[in-house]
Amino acid sequence: MTQSHYPSNLPIQPTVEPNGVTRLLLAPHPTLSGTSCLLAGLILAFTLYPSAATPTGMARISAIAVGIALLINIFFDSRKGFYNLFRTDLLCLLGLYGLTLLEFLFPQEEFNLAVDTIQTAQSLDMVLLGMAGLALGRHLVKPKPSASQVKNFGNISSSTLFRLFVISASLGFLYMLLSVQFNPIALINAMIGPRFAEPWARGKYGGWFVFLSELALLIHAIPPMFGVMWNRRNNLSNLQKWTTVGIFGLVLFQGFTSGTRNIFVVYVATALIGYLITLPRHTLRNTLFPVLMAVVMTSFLSYHMLEFRGIGLHNYITRQVYLQQGETRETFSVDYNLMSLGPVIEAFPEQHNFLGSEVISWALVKPIPRVLWPGKPEGLSISIEEVVGADGWTVATTFIGESYMMAGEFGVLAMALFFGSLAAWWNRRAIRGSSDYDLVIYALGFFGAAITMRSMFWLTTAILPVIALVIFRKFRLVR
């Protein structure tokens, strides 16, 4: 292992001892100055938002204050090197901000009709508390020096990485292809149809055949692998290049047509991270341009995903819904998670007792297929949908709402501290980045981090592809 395996802009360069052992001093980590500014911004938002007269005004003040604080935090962290920004804790903070506050940088008059100022204040308090917990929790795990002998998976050839890429795609799309009798045209038609109407959509309880659908989790490993392979494209044949681009394009298309914006955005983000952390050298051209292109693309496509996710991309285009006045939103919005948080906070513990350990138990057993455990619980004893009165659709409240159902303010703070610590622990993976395979696994962890901000019940499911890649290498299934 030599110094050449690492990007040239690590915050602290590795040193190679006379015996050939590589030492890395610190993993990518947050700065105390950056965290201090972020906490100050959270306190400022908490102090200022009550001065607004409307729910939208309250949320907008918070969005501006926290957004500026996050940018200052990023500035201080970037002073330790560009590589120091590739951290899961930072992605968690940005993800939670994007799910709760980002949309209020734009006009949201409909929000005023859905909630009152009391509910908005309660929701904002919990969001600010959660972000503070994440910011503090990431300092509970120190970026301590690596061991004298860095444990890693070793590097693998480009052809081996390509084979792993193809195997992951083949297994990931297997269930979808089986459901359409391996007809590629039927596969595309199903993707662009109405949401949840796909032939591969899982039933409530599933069966042995549906057990194959769990293999679709391997699709999540494709974007970070593509990012790494793009930097190795000169080592691939033309056929391998086009195959790689085609598979990645299909993954993006499937994520886009599903209408699930958080999945699509994370696909783009993990591909970008896999690409950036394995660049030999960063320049404005090979770094800034891809980042700006990704931001513009995801922002534009995310707007349309919200509009067609109920009717499907095919109907959205053929009916030209996007051209019809009043049929589409006139402003950027996410999911109004603040609106969903309000009823949850009001309901616990006045109407329902806190769920306590039941929330943790469900998160742990959720990935277990029902075919292996017929008596597996169907969910929480009372769902978020029941609390908010949703009938026929799902409701997201981020991990903030789920934590509040568990133990109120204490639950929110405790889970935020835990996720912040977990993210900081995962950042240590970067100090073992002696190979591109290591960095694929590291980048794939970003998927789990981002999805967890949406719902902590998905954490144990999202880490399954990471475990699979580790097993592939540990048992030498990938050489």
Foldseek 3Di string as FASTA:
>chain_A
DDQLQFAPFQLFGWDADPVRFIWDAFFQAFDPVLLVLLLVLLVVLLVPLVVDQFLLSSLLSNLVSNVVSLVSSVVVSCVSPPNSCPFLLNLLLVLLSQQARPQSPKDDVVVRVQDGPVLSSVLSVLSSLLSNLLSVLLVVDGRGIADRHQDDLDAADLVLLLVLLVVLLCLLCVLLCVLVVNDVVLSLVLLQFAAQPRSLRADLAHAPSVVSNLSNLSLLLLLLSLLQVVLVVVVDDPVSVVVSVVSLVVSLSSVLQNLPLLSNLLSLVLNLQSNVRRDNYDDCVVNVVSVVVSVVVSQVSNQVSPLCNRGGNVCCVVVVLVPDPPSGDPGDDHANLSSLLSLLLVCPPVPPDQQACQLVVLLQCVVPRCNVPVPDDSGGPADSCNSVVNDPDDHWNFQSSSQCSHPRSVSSSVVSSVLSNVRSVLSSLVSSSSYSLSVSLSSLVSSLSSVNRRPVSCNVSSCVSSVVSVVCSVVVVRD
